[in-house]
C-alpha atoms as a PDB file:
ATOM      1  CA  MET A   1      -9.458  15.693  -5.521  1.00  0.00           C
ATOM      2  CA  GLY A   2      -7.172  13.418  -3.622  1.00  0.00           C
ATOM      3  CA  ARG A   3      -9.425  10.461  -4.188  1.00  0.00           C
ATOM      4  CA  ILE A   4      -9.618  11.076  -7.926  1.00  0.00           C
ATOM      5  CA  ALA A   5      -5.888  11.364  -8.108  1.00  0.00           C
ATOM      6  CA  THR A   6      -5.490   8.053  -6.300  1.00  0.00           C
ATOM      7  CA  PHE A   7      -7.792   6.248  -8.725  1.00  0.00           C
ATOM      8  CA  LEU A   8      -5.989   7.766 -11.707  1.00  0.00           C
ATOM      9  CA  ARG A   9      -2.571   6.709 -10.254  1.00  0.00           C
ATOM     10  CA  LEU A  10      -3.829   3.110  -9.629  1.00  0.00           C
ATOM     11  CA  TRP A  11      -5.271   2.915 -13.175  1.00  0.00           C
ATOM     12  CA  LYS A  12      -2.042   4.148 -14.728  1.00  0.00           C
ATOM     13  CA  GLU A  13      -0.052   1.561 -12.834  1.00  0.00           C
ATOM     14  CA  GLY A  14      -2.445  -1.217 -13.809  1.00  0.00           C
ATOM     15  CA  ARG A  15      -3.406  -2.036 -10.251  1.00  0.00           C
ATOM     16  CA  ARG A  16      -6.991  -3.099 -11.141  1.00  0.00           C
ATOM     17  CA  GLU A  17      -7.453  -5.338  -8.016  1.00  0.00           C
ATOM     18  CA  GLU A  18      -6.653  -2.431  -5.677  1.00  0.00           C
ATOM     19  CA  ILE A  19      -9.141  -0.250  -7.611  1.00  0.00           C
ATOM     20  CA  ARG A  20     -11.877  -2.863  -7.179  1.00  0.00           C
ATOM     21  CA  ALA A  21     -11.105  -3.187  -3.411  1.00  0.00           C
ATOM     22  CA  THR A  22     -11.091   0.585  -2.980  1.00  0.00           C
ATOM     23  CA  LEU A  23     -14.414   0.977  -4.759  1.00  0.00           C
ATOM     24  CA  THR A  24     -15.962  -1.781  -2.659  1.00  0.00           C
ATOM     25  CA  ARG A  25     -14.851  -0.058   0.530  1.00  0.00           C
ATOM     26  CA  GLN A  26     -16.274   3.281  -0.652  1.00  0.00           C
ATOM     27  CA  ALA A  27     -19.540   1.984  -2.084  1.00  0.00           C
ATOM     28  CA  LEU A  28     -21.497   3.206   0.949  1.00  0.00           C
ATOM     29  CA  PRO A  29     -20.789   6.185   3.160  1.00  0.00           C
ATOM     30  CA  ALA A  30     -18.152   5.328   5.826  1.00  0.00           C
ATOM     31  CA  TRP A  31     -20.377   6.693   8.641  1.00  0.00           C
ATOM     32  CA  LEU A  32     -23.083   4.108   7.659  1.00  0.00           C
ATOM     33  CA  PHE A  33     -21.141   1.026   6.560  1.00  0.00           C
ATOM     34  CA  ARG A  34     -17.481   0.022   6.553  1.00  0.00           C
ATOM     35  CA  ARG A  35     -15.859  -3.365   5.930  1.00  0.00           C
ATOM     36  CA  ASN A  36     -12.143  -3.589   5.990  1.00  0.00           C
ATOM     37  CA  GLU A  37      -9.348  -6.167   6.375  1.00  0.00           C
ATOM     38  CA  MET A  38      -5.774  -5.275   7.204  1.00  0.00           C
ATOM     39  CA  VAL A  39      -2.574  -6.718   8.522  1.00  0.00           C
ATOM     40  CA  ILE A  40      -0.996  -5.182  11.621  1.00  0.00           C
ATOM     41  CA  THR A  41       2.806  -5.142  11.400  1.00  0.00           C
ATOM     42  CA  ARG A  42       5.891  -4.382  13.517  1.00  0.00           C
ATOM     43  CA  LEU A  43       9.403  -3.284  12.486  1.00  0.00           C
ATOM     44  CA  THR A  44      12.403  -3.347  14.886  1.00  0.00           C
ATOM     45  CA  ARG A  45      15.284  -3.911  12.456  1.00  0.00           C
ATOM     46  CA  VAL A  46      15.579  -2.948   8.790  1.00  0.00           C
ATOM     47  CA  ARG A  47      17.402  -5.144   6.360  1.00  0.00           C
ATOM     48  CA  PRO A  48      20.748  -3.483   5.367  1.00  0.00           C
ATOM     49  CA  LEU A  49      20.973  -1.592   2.092  1.00  0.00           C
ATOM     50  CA  PRO A  50      22.533  -3.591  -0.717  1.00  0.00           C
ATOM     51  CA  ARG A  51      24.124  -0.329  -2.105  1.00  0.00           C
ATOM     52  CA  PRO A  52      24.671   3.060  -0.628  1.00  0.00           C
ATOM     53  CA  LEU A  53      22.343   5.238  -2.813  1.00  0.00           C
ATOM     54  CA  GLU A  54      24.360   8.376  -2.223  1.00  0.00           C
ATOM     55  CA  ASN A  55      21.970  10.594  -4.137  1.00  0.00           C
ATOM     56  CA  VAL A  56      19.185   9.732  -1.694  1.00  0.00           C
ATOM     57  CA  THR A  57      18.910  11.714   1.560  1.00  0.00           C
ATOM     58  CA  VAL A  58      16.319  11.311   4.280  1.00  0.00           C
ATOM     59  CA  ARG A  59      15.500  13.909   6.927  1.00  0.00           C
ATOM     60  CA  TRP A  60      12.850  15.211   9.285  1.00  0.00           C
ATOM     61  CA  GLY A  61      10.244  17.237   7.418  1.00  0.00           C
ATOM     62  CA  THR A  62       8.708  20.613   8.266  1.00  0.00           C
ATOM     63  CA  PRO A  63       5.472  22.533   7.329  1.00  0.00           C
ATOM     64  CA  ALA A  64       7.628  24.191   4.578  1.00  0.00           C
ATOM     65  CA  ASP A  65       7.618  20.786   2.780  1.00  0.00           C
ATOM     66  CA  GLU A  66       3.859  20.759   2.302  1.00  0.00           C
ATOM     67  CA  PRO A  67       3.805  22.062  -1.361  1.00  0.00           C
ATOM     68  CA  ALA A  68       6.177  19.255  -2.301  1.00  0.00           C
ATOM     69  CA  LEU A  69       4.133  16.678  -0.462  1.00  0.00           C
ATOM     70  CA  LEU A  70       1.011  17.805  -2.365  1.00  0.00           C
ATOM     71  CA  ARG A  71       2.847  17.285  -5.678  1.00  0.00           C
ATOM     72  CA  VAL A  72       3.666  13.718  -4.687  1.00  0.00           C
ATOM     73  CA  ARG A  73       0.183  13.008  -3.245  1.00  0.00           C
ATOM     74  CA  PRO A  74      -2.607  15.611  -3.653  1.00  0.00           C
ATOM     75  CA  ARG A  75      -4.834  15.806  -0.614  1.00  0.00           C
ATOM     76  CA  ALA A  76      -7.917  17.907  -0.034  1.00  0.00           C
ATOM     77  CA  GLY A  77      -7.292  20.153   2.902  1.00  0.00           C
ATOM     78  CA  GLY A  78      -3.503  19.637   2.716  1.00  0.00           C
ATOM     79  CA  TYR A  79      -1.221  18.157   5.399  1.00  0.00           C
ATOM     80  CA  ARG A  80      -1.234  20.877   8.009  1.00  0.00           C
ATOM     81  CA  PRO A  81      -3.679  18.964  10.265  1.00  0.00           C
ATOM     82  CA  ASN A  82      -0.968  16.243  10.652  1.00  0.00           C
ATOM     83  CA  PHE A  83       1.499  18.797  11.926  1.00  0.00           C
ATOM     84  CA  GLU A  84      -1.112  20.326  14.240  1.00  0.00           C
ATOM     85  CA  LYS A  85      -1.621  16.912  15.779  1.00  0.00           C
ATOM     86  CA  GLY A  86       2.104  16.752  16.547  1.00  0.00           C
ATOM     87  CA  ASP A  87       2.812  13.866  14.256  1.00  0.00           C
ATOM     88  CA  LEU A  88       6.363  13.616  12.779  1.00  0.00           C
ATOM     89  CA  LEU A  89       7.100  13.867   9.106  1.00  0.00           C
ATOM     90  CA  VAL A  90      10.030  12.133   7.393  1.00  0.00           C
ATOM     91  CA  VAL A  91      11.000  13.134   3.895  1.00  0.00           C
ATOM     92  CA  GLY A  92      13.219  11.371   1.348  1.00  0.00           C
ATOM     93  CA  GLU A  93      14.877  13.280  -1.527  1.00  0.00           C
ATOM     94  CA  VAL A  94      16.587  12.266  -4.707  1.00  0.00           C
ATOM     95  CA  SER A  95      19.111  14.895  -5.710  1.00  0.00           C
ATOM     96  CA  GLY A  96      17.145  17.462  -3.767  1.00  0.00           C
ATOM     97  CA  GLU A  97      13.701  16.513  -5.103  1.00  0.00           C
ATOM     98  CA  VAL A  98      11.142  15.125  -2.632  1.00  0.00           C
ATOM     99  CA  ALA A  99      10.622  11.492  -3.657  1.00  0.00           C
ATOM    100  CA  SER A 100       9.071   9.899  -0.567  1.00  0.00           C
ATOM    101  CA  PHE A 101       7.489  10.831   2.738  1.00  0.00           C
ATOM    102  CA  ASN A 102       5.634   9.339   5.651  1.00  0.00           C
ATOM    103  CA  TRP A 103       4.159  10.221   9.042  1.00  0.00           C
ATOM    104  CA  PHE A 104       4.748   8.866  12.505  1.00  0.00           C
ATOM    105  CA  GLU A 105       2.275   9.105  15.324  1.00  0.00           C
ATOM    106  CA  THR A 106       3.979   8.851  18.653  1.00  0.00           C
ATOM    107  CA  GLY A 107       2.644   7.805  22.055  1.00  0.00           C
ATOM    108  CA  PRO A 108       1.898   4.503  23.768  1.00  0.00           C
ATOM    109  CA  VAL A 109      -1.500   3.917  22.197  1.00  0.00           C
ATOM    110  CA  HIS A 110      -2.699   4.191  18.582  1.00  0.00           C
ATOM    111  CA  VAL A 111      -6.434   4.845  18.018  1.00  0.00           C
ATOM    112  CA  SER A 112      -8.032   4.073  14.710  1.00  0.00           C
ATOM    113  CA  ARG A 113     -11.477   5.649  14.790  1.00  0.00           C
ATOM    114  CA  SER A 114     -12.347   4.682  11.181  1.00  0.00           C
ATOM    115  CA  ASN A 115     -11.646   1.002  11.822  1.00  0.00           C
ATOM    116  CA  GLY A 116     -12.833   0.783  15.402  1.00  0.00           C
ATOM    117  CA  TYR A 117      -9.775  -0.364  17.347  1.00  0.00           C
ATOM    118  CA  THR A 118      -7.012   0.782  19.695  1.00  0.00           C
ATOM    119  CA  PHE A 119      -3.515  -0.808  19.741  1.00  0.00           C
ATOM    120  CA  GLU A 120      -1.213  -0.494  22.740  1.00  0.00           C
ATOM    121  CA  MET A 121       2.340  -0.129  21.380  1.00  0.00           C
ATOM    122  CA  GLY A 122       3.962   0.640  24.743  1.00  0.00           C
ATOM    123  CA  GLU A 123       6.753   3.192  25.335  1.00  0.00           C
ATOM    124  CA  GLY A 124       9.471   3.726  22.723  1.00  0.00           C
ATOM    125  CA  ALA A 125       7.260   3.006  19.728  1.00  0.00           C
ATOM    126  CA  ALA A 126       5.606   4.910  16.849  1.00  0.00           C
ATOM    127  CA  TRP A 127       2.766   4.215  14.441  1.00  0.00           C
ATOM    128  CA  VAL A 128       3.482   4.798  10.756  1.00  0.00           C
ATOM    129  CA  TYR A 129       0.900   6.026   8.265  1.00  0.00           C
ATOM    130  CA  GLY A 130       0.635   7.846   4.904  1.00  0.00           C
ATOM    131  CA  PHE A 131       3.721   6.415   3.239  1.00  0.00           C
ATOM    132  CA  GLU A 132       4.113   7.686  -0.327  1.00  0.00           C
ATOM    133  CA  VAL A 133       6.768   7.264  -2.960  1.00  0.00           C
ATOM    134  CA  GLU A 134       6.655   9.365  -6.089  1.00  0.00           C
ATOM    135  CA  PRO A 135       5.921   6.951  -9.008  1.00  0.00           C
ATOM    136  CA  ARG A 136       9.141   7.787 -10.838  1.00  0.00           C
ATOM    137  CA  PHE A 137      11.171   6.664  -7.926  1.00  0.00           C
ATOM    138  CA  ARG A 138       9.466   3.324  -7.134  1.00  0.00           C
ATOM    139  CA  MET A 139      11.627   0.194  -7.430  1.00  0.00           C
ATOM    140  CA  SER A 140      14.724   2.335  -7.210  1.00  0.00           C
ATOM    141  CA  GLY A 141      15.721   1.625  -3.583  1.00  0.00           C
ATOM    142  CA  VAL A 142      14.279   4.946  -2.279  1.00  0.00           C
ATOM    143  CA  PHE A 143      11.632   3.092  -0.163  1.00  0.00           C
ATOM    144  CA  HIS A 144      14.388   0.924   1.421  1.00  0.00           C
ATOM    145  CA  LYS A 145      16.836   3.776   2.242  1.00  0.00           C
ATOM    146  CA  HIS A 146      13.918   5.889   3.542  1.00  0.00           C
ATOM    147  CA  TRP A 147      13.199   3.235   6.123  1.00  0.00           C
ATOM    148  CA  VAL A 148      16.839   2.695   7.017  1.00  0.00           C
ATOM    149  CA  VAL A 149      17.369   6.334   7.883  1.00  0.00           C
ATOM    150  CA  ALA A 150      13.879   6.857   9.350  1.00  0.00           C
ATOM    151  CA  MET A 151      14.602   4.184  11.993  1.00  0.00           C
ATOM    152  CA  GLU A 152      17.844   5.940  12.771  1.00  0.00           C
ATOM    153  CA  LEU A 153      16.029   9.217  13.235  1.00  0.00           C
ATOM    154  CA  LEU A 154      13.498   7.591  15.509  1.00  0.00           C
ATOM    155  CA  ALA A 155      16.250   5.977  17.541  1.00  0.00           C
ATOM    156  CA  GLU A 156      17.693   9.396  18.186  1.00  0.00           C
ATOM    157  CA  ARG A 157      14.381  10.237  19.888  1.00  0.00           C
ATOM    158  CA  GLY A 158      14.311   7.094  21.963  1.00  0.00           C
ATOM    159  CA  MET A 159      12.041   4.948  19.731  1.00  0.00           C
ATOM    160  CA  SER A 160      13.040   1.440  18.672  1.00  0.00           C
ATOM    161  CA  ARG A 161       9.786  -0.072  17.238  1.00  0.00           C
ATOM    162  CA  VAL A 162       7.381   0.928  14.528  1.00  0.00           C
ATOM    163  CA  TYR A 163       3.852  -0.386  14.025  1.00  0.00           C
ATOM    164  CA  GLY A 164       1.455   0.039  11.218  1.00  0.00           C
ATOM    165  CA  SER A 165      -1.302  -1.483   9.090  1.00  0.00           C
ATOM    166  CA  ILE A 166      -1.356  -2.684   5.505  1.00  0.00           C
ATOM    167  CA  GLN A 167      -4.474  -3.442   3.494  1.00  0.00           C
ATOM    168  CA  ALA A 168      -4.857  -7.250   3.308  1.00  0.00           C
ATOM    169  CA  ASP A 169      -5.852  -7.001  -0.371  1.00  0.00           C
ATOM    170  CA  ASN A 170      -2.515  -5.475  -1.278  1.00  0.00           C
ATOM    171  CA  PRO A 171      -0.079  -8.426  -1.421  1.00  0.00           C
ATOM    172  CA  ARG A 172       2.478  -6.287  -3.272  1.00  0.00           C
ATOM    173  CA  SER A 173       2.802  -3.945  -0.345  1.00  0.00           C
ATOM    174  CA  ILE A 174       2.736  -6.814   2.230  1.00  0.00           C
ATOM    175  CA  ASN A 175       5.591  -8.558   0.449  1.00  0.00           C
ATOM    176  CA  SER A 176       7.707  -5.366   0.083  1.00  0.00           C
ATOM    177  CA  HIS A 177       7.334  -4.633   3.796  1.00  0.00           C
ATOM    178  CA  ARG A 178       8.218  -8.239   4.680  1.00  0.00           C
ATOM    179  CA  ARG A 179      11.417  -8.071   2.542  1.00  0.00           C
ATOM    180  CA  LEU A 180      12.290  -4.820   4.346  1.00  0.00           C
ATOM    181  CA  GLY A 181      12.111  -6.529   7.748  1.00  0.00           C
ATOM    182  CA  PHE A 182       8.496  -5.944   8.898  1.00  0.00           C
ATOM    183  CA  GLU A 183       6.951  -8.760  10.987  1.00  0.00           C
ATOM    184  CA  LEU A 184       3.238  -9.645  10.505  1.00  0.00           C
ATOM    185  CA  LEU A 185       1.401  -9.709  13.811  1.00  0.00           C
ATOM    186  CA  TYR A 186      -2.359  -9.805  13.223  1.00  0.00           C
ATOM    187  CA  THR A 187      -4.908 -10.051  10.427  1.00  0.00           C
ATOM    188  CA  PHE A 188      -7.680  -7.666  11.546  1.00  0.00           C
ATOM    189  CA  ARG A 189     -11.175  -7.612  10.075  1.00  0.00           C
ATOM    190  CA  VAL A 190     -13.849  -5.060  11.024  1.00  0.00           C
ATOM    191  CA  LEU A 191     -17.464  -4.682   9.990  1.00  0.00           C
ATOM    192  CA  ARG A 192     -19.235  -1.508  11.007  1.00  0.00           C
ATOM    193  CA  PHE A 193     -22.860  -0.801  10.269  1.00  0.00           C
ATOM    194  CA  ALA A 194     -24.917   2.065  11.639  1.00  0.00           C
ATOM    195  CA  GLY A 195     -22.652   2.474  14.630  1.00  0.00           C
ATOM    196  CA  LEU A 196     -22.394  -1.219  15.489  1.00  0.00           C
ATOM    197  CA  ILE A 197     -18.897  -2.667  15.248  1.00  0.00           C
ATOM    198  CA  HIS A 198     -17.874  -6.320  14.944  1.00  0.00           C
ATOM    199  CA  HIS A 199     -14.214  -7.173  14.924  1.00  0.00           C
ATOM    200  CA  GLU A 200     -11.940 -10.186  14.448  1.00  0.00           C
ATOM    201  CA  ALA A 201      -8.223 -10.136  15.231  1.00  0.00           C
ATOM    202  CA  VAL A 202      -6.411 -13.284  14.126  1.00  0.00           C
ATOM    203  CA  PRO A 203      -2.791 -13.589  15.280  1.00  0.00           C
ATOM    204  CA  VAL A 204      -0.239 -14.699  12.671  1.00  0.00           C
ATOM    205  CA  PRO A 205       0.841 -18.312  13.509  1.00  0.00           C
ATOM    206  CA  GLY A 206       3.978 -18.432  15.642  1.00  0.00           C
ATOM    207  CA  THR A 207       3.561 -14.977  17.274  1.00  0.00           C
ATOM    208  CA  GLY A 208       1.890 -16.349  20.388  1.00  0.00           C
ATOM    209  CA  LEU A 209      -0.495 -13.315  20.473  1.00  0.00           C
ATOM    210  CA  PRO A 210      -4.072 -13.715  21.737  1.00  0.00           C
ATOM    211  CA  PRO A 211      -6.975 -13.753  19.298  1.00  0.00           C
ATOM    212  CA  SER A 212     -10.095 -11.525  19.746  1.00  0.00           C
ATOM    213  CA  ARG A 213     -13.484 -11.683  18.200  1.00  0.00           C
ATOM    214  CA  GLY A 214     -16.794 -10.016  19.013  1.00  0.00           C
ATOM    215  CA  PHE A 215     -18.817  -6.860  19.042  1.00  0.00           C
ATOM    216  CA  GLY A 216     -17.302  -3.580  20.003  1.00  0.00           C
ATOM    217  CA  ARG A 217     -13.908  -1.963  19.598  1.00  0.00           C
ATOM    218  CA  TRP A 218     -10.818  -4.252  19.506  1.00  0.00           C
ATOM    219  CA  ARG A 219      -8.270  -3.361  22.150  1.00  0.00           C
ATOM    220  CA  GLY A 220      -5.119  -4.888  20.850  1.00  0.00           C
ATOM    221  CA  ALA A 221      -1.590  -4.895  22.208  1.00  0.00           C
ATOM    222  CA  ASP A 222       1.893  -6.206  21.396  1.00  0.00           C
ATOM    223  CA  ALA A 223       2.070  -8.703  24.269  1.00  0.00           C
ATOM    224  CA  THR A 224       5.416 -10.064  23.024  1.00  0.00           C
ATOM    225  CA  VAL A 225       7.096  -6.779  23.969  1.00  0.00           C
ATOM    226  CA  ALA A 226       5.361  -6.630  27.357  1.00  0.00           C
ATOM    227  CA  ALA A 227       6.633 -10.133  28.119  1.00  0.00           C
ATOM    228  CA  ASP A 228      10.301  -9.210  27.464  1.00  0.00           C
END
């Protein structure tokens, strides 16, 4: 049901290229074949808000928010497994209505089983995933304020860096993240067939990060932080 809802949303918004890319990725069962390209990013400082957006509030989420999350983004099986893993939920509201949410995975290492890599973030970092903004509130500043406050909430728990991945075939998302303050670290490509994995991690020019290419799981790291 969640996959159908995603296609309908992309079609309604006229995002035909993203539909094509999604269909290509899902043409064969993920356990048999997967080809993907993404950009690994880092955020340490958010660009200041141009206006206060006083009707937007951002807070930690709880399991009681699940019905509202499902209205924003339907998902088969719900979101309880995320809570059971211990991941953190951040919720944005507009005049009391849930308008955005995302998840943070904490811990020094992020493991992507579907894409065949691990990424060492180090202490004081989190991995972001599952960011959603209700369509009515896109391009309204909600995304920006959500991130401003989310970084403040993480700082209260001793975390100063956020990492994540963006699909490389989604330039709109890449540009919006860059405007917010995200740095691009790597372009990562993976090809997996019948259990065999081939990866290619290409550092963005100027980062000074090491490249990697070959068979097997990529074991990446943010060496720029380790060097400080």
